[in-house]
Amino acid sequence: MLGASAYMVIILFRHQRQHKHLHSLNHPRASPEKKATQIILLLVVSFVIMYLVDFIISSTAVLLWMYNPVILSIQKIVMNVYPTITPLVQISSDTRIIDILKSLQSKCHQIF
């Protein structure tokens, strides 16, 4: 996961550098490459953080020979945070999906 994400970021940085002359420096919006790079970095950082927290909880439980149901429940929650966050990050980064959701919301308000 980490290697693949790092590779994607490198490709996006190279692409951005090669096509810098196409983008205006005065343009207020970020380029699609920059947005994609930020999203990938956000996903990688959140994956690494969740993995480290899970690793710390598992190692502590193994080293202390302590398999408390509360600790195991916390570990299950931590393990499920990344798969829950990933689609939300991707949805929030795509303006088309946000526009569709807004139009659905306005249609629902008109009906009710």
Protein backbone atom coordinates (compact mmCIF):
# COMPACT_ATOMS: atom_id res chain seq x y z
CA MET A 1 0.00 0.00 0.00
CA LEU A 2 2.70 2.44 1.02
CA GLY A 3 4.89 1.62 -1.97
CA ALA A 4 2.05 1.89 -4.47
CA SER A 5 0.90 5.19 -3.02
CA ALA A 6 4.42 6.61 -3.01
CA TYR A 7 4.79 5.55 -6.65
CA MET A 8 1.53 7.34 -7.57
CA VAL A 9 2.68 10.50 -5.81
CA ILE A 10 6.02 10.41 -7.66
CA ILE A 11 4.25 9.98 -11.00
CA LEU A 12 1.92 12.88 -10.22
CA PHE A 13 4.82 15.14 -9.21
CA ARG A 14 6.68 14.30 -12.44
CA HIS A 15 3.55 14.92 -14.48
CA GLN A 16 2.99 18.23 -12.73
CA ARG A 17 6.59 19.30 -13.35
CA GLN A 18 6.43 18.35 -17.04
CA HIS A 19 3.20 20.23 -17.63
CA LYS A 20 3.86 23.26 -15.46
CA HIS A 21 3.91 25.54 -18.48
CA LEU A 22 0.28 24.63 -19.21
CA HIS A 23 -0.98 25.86 -15.86
CA SER A 24 -1.11 29.52 -15.02
CA LEU A 25 0.60 30.52 -11.79
CA ASN A 26 -2.09 33.10 -11.12
CA HIS A 27 -4.87 30.53 -11.35
CA PRO A 28 -6.63 30.46 -7.95
CA ARG A 29 -7.69 26.79 -8.13
CA ALA A 30 -5.30 23.95 -7.50
CA SER A 31 -4.42 21.77 -10.46
CA PRO A 32 -5.99 18.30 -10.68
CA GLU A 33 -2.55 16.76 -10.17
CA LYS A 34 -2.08 18.69 -6.95
CA LYS A 35 -5.51 17.68 -5.69
CA ALA A 36 -4.85 14.03 -6.54
CA THR A 37 -1.47 14.17 -4.81
CA GLN A 38 -3.03 15.67 -1.68
CA ILE A 39 -5.75 13.04 -1.60
CA ILE A 40 -3.24 10.21 -2.03
CA LEU A 41 -1.05 11.64 0.71
CA LEU A 42 -4.05 12.00 3.02
CA LEU A 43 -5.06 8.39 2.41
CA VAL A 44 -1.51 7.10 2.90
CA VAL A 45 -1.03 9.07 6.12
CA SER A 46 -4.36 7.88 7.52
CA PHE A 47 -3.51 4.28 6.57
CA VAL A 48 -0.11 4.48 8.26
CA ILE A 49 -1.58 6.03 11.42
CA MET A 50 -4.31 3.38 11.67
CA TYR A 51 -1.77 0.63 11.01
CA LEU A 52 0.55 1.96 13.73
CA VAL A 53 -2.27 2.25 16.27
CA ASP A 54 -3.39 -1.29 15.44
CA PHE A 55 0.19 -2.54 15.71
CA ILE A 56 0.67 -0.86 19.11
CA ILE A 57 -2.57 -2.31 20.47
CA SER A 58 -1.76 -5.82 19.18
CA SER A 59 1.84 -5.76 20.42
CA THR A 60 0.79 -4.51 23.83
CA ALA A 61 -1.83 -7.23 24.13
CA VAL A 62 0.65 -9.93 23.08
CA LEU A 63 3.52 -8.69 25.26
CA LEU A 64 1.36 -8.30 28.35
CA TRP A 65 -0.60 -11.51 27.71
CA MET A 66 -3.69 -9.40 28.23
CA TYR A 67 -6.62 -10.11 25.92
CA ASN A 68 -9.19 -7.82 27.45
CA PRO A 69 -12.47 -7.73 25.48
CA VAL A 70 -12.48 -3.92 25.66
CA ILE A 71 -9.02 -3.71 24.10
CA LEU A 72 -10.02 -6.18 21.39
CA SER A 73 -13.14 -4.11 20.66
CA ILE A 74 -11.04 -0.96 20.38
CA GLN A 75 -8.70 -2.79 18.02
CA LYS A 76 -11.66 -3.84 15.84
CA ILE A 77 -12.85 -0.24 15.69
CA VAL A 78 -9.37 0.98 14.73
CA MET A 79 -9.15 -1.71 12.04
CA ASN A 80 -12.43 -0.51 10.53
CA VAL A 81 -11.68 3.22 10.59
CA TYR A 82 -9.55 3.26 7.42
CA PRO A 83 -12.03 1.34 5.22
CA THR A 84 -14.73 3.70 6.47
CA ILE A 85 -12.75 6.91 5.91
CA THR A 86 -11.38 6.05 2.45
CA PRO A 87 -14.66 6.28 0.50
CA LEU A 88 -15.63 9.44 2.38
CA VAL A 89 -12.35 11.12 1.43
CA GLN A 90 -12.77 10.08 -2.18
CA ILE A 91 -16.39 11.24 -2.30
CA SER A 92 -15.58 14.58 -0.70
CA SER A 93 -12.77 15.18 -3.18
CA ASP A 94 -14.94 14.65 -6.27
CA THR A 95 -17.04 17.73 -6.96
CA ARG A 96 -19.31 15.84 -9.36
CA ILE A 97 -20.46 13.51 -6.59
CA ILE A 98 -20.97 16.45 -4.24
CA ASP A 99 -23.08 18.22 -6.88
CA ILE A 100 -25.19 15.09 -7.41
CA LEU A 101 -25.73 14.74 -3.66
CA LYS A 102 -26.71 18.42 -3.38
CA SER A 103 -29.22 18.10 -6.22
CA LEU A 104 -30.70 14.97 -4.62
CA GLN A 105 -30.96 16.81 -1.33
CA SER A 106 -32.75 19.76 -2.94
CA LYS A 107 -35.15 17.39 -4.74
CA CYS A 108 -35.91 15.65 -1.45
CA HIS A 109 -36.62 19.01 0.20
CA GLN A 110 -38.98 19.93 -2.65
CA ILE A 111 -40.88 16.65 -2.27
CA PHE A 112 -41.31 16.99 1.48
